[in-house]
Amino acid sequence: PGAFALLGLAGFAARRRR
C-alpha cells in the first residue's frame, strides 16, 4: 500500500506541475 498513492501523486503532480 503506497505504490498506488505514489503513482497517482507522482502523475498528478508531474502533470499539474508542467
N, C-alpha and C. Protein backbone atom coordinates (compact mmCIF):
# COMPACT_ATOMS: atom_id res chain seq x y z
N PRO A 1 0.84 -1.22 0.00
CA PRO A 1 0.00 0.00 0.00
C PRO A 1 0.87 1.26 0.00
N GLY A 2 0.91 1.91 -1.10
CA GLY A 2 1.76 3.11 -1.16
C GLY A 2 2.17 3.37 -2.60
N ALA A 3 2.35 2.25 -3.32
CA ALA A 3 2.76 2.40 -4.74
C ALA A 3 1.66 3.13 -5.51
N PHE A 4 0.43 2.76 -5.23
CA PHE A 4 -0.70 3.39 -5.94
C PHE A 4 -0.76 4.88 -5.63
N ALA A 5 -0.64 5.20 -4.36
CA ALA A 5 -0.68 6.62 -3.95
C ALA A 5 0.50 7.36 -4.56
N LEU A 6 1.65 6.72 -4.54
CA LEU A 6 2.85 7.35 -5.10
C LEU A 6 2.68 7.59 -6.60
N LEU A 7 2.17 6.57 -7.27
CA LEU A 7 1.97 6.68 -8.73
C LEU A 7 0.96 7.78 -9.03
N GLY A 8 -0.15 7.77 -8.33
CA GLY A 8 -1.19 8.77 -8.56
C GLY A 8 -0.66 10.16 -8.23
N LEU A 9 0.01 10.28 -7.10
CA LEU A 9 0.53 11.60 -6.70
C LEU A 9 1.61 12.07 -7.67
N ALA A 10 2.49 11.15 -8.04
CA ALA A 10 3.58 11.50 -8.96
C ALA A 10 3.00 11.94 -10.30
N GLY A 11 2.08 11.16 -10.84
CA GLY A 11 1.47 11.50 -12.14
C GLY A 11 0.71 12.82 -12.04
N PHE A 12 -0.07 12.95 -11.00
CA PHE A 12 -0.87 14.17 -10.84
C PHE A 12 0.02 15.40 -10.65
N ALA A 13 1.01 15.27 -9.80
CA ALA A 13 1.92 16.40 -9.54
C ALA A 13 2.72 16.72 -10.80
N ALA A 14 3.22 15.67 -11.45
CA ALA A 14 4.03 15.89 -12.66
C ALA A 14 3.18 16.58 -13.73
N ARG A 15 1.96 16.09 -13.91
CA ARG A 15 1.11 16.70 -14.95
C ARG A 15 0.69 18.11 -14.53
N ARG A 16 0.41 18.28 -13.27
CA ARG A 16 -0.05 19.60 -12.82
C ARG A 16 1.15 20.58 -12.78
N ARG A 17 2.31 20.06 -12.44
CA ARG A 17 3.49 20.93 -12.34
C ARG A 17 3.78 21.54 -13.72
N ARG A 18 3.76 20.72 -14.74
CA ARG A 18 4.07 21.26 -16.08
C ARG A 18 2.78 21.80 -16.67
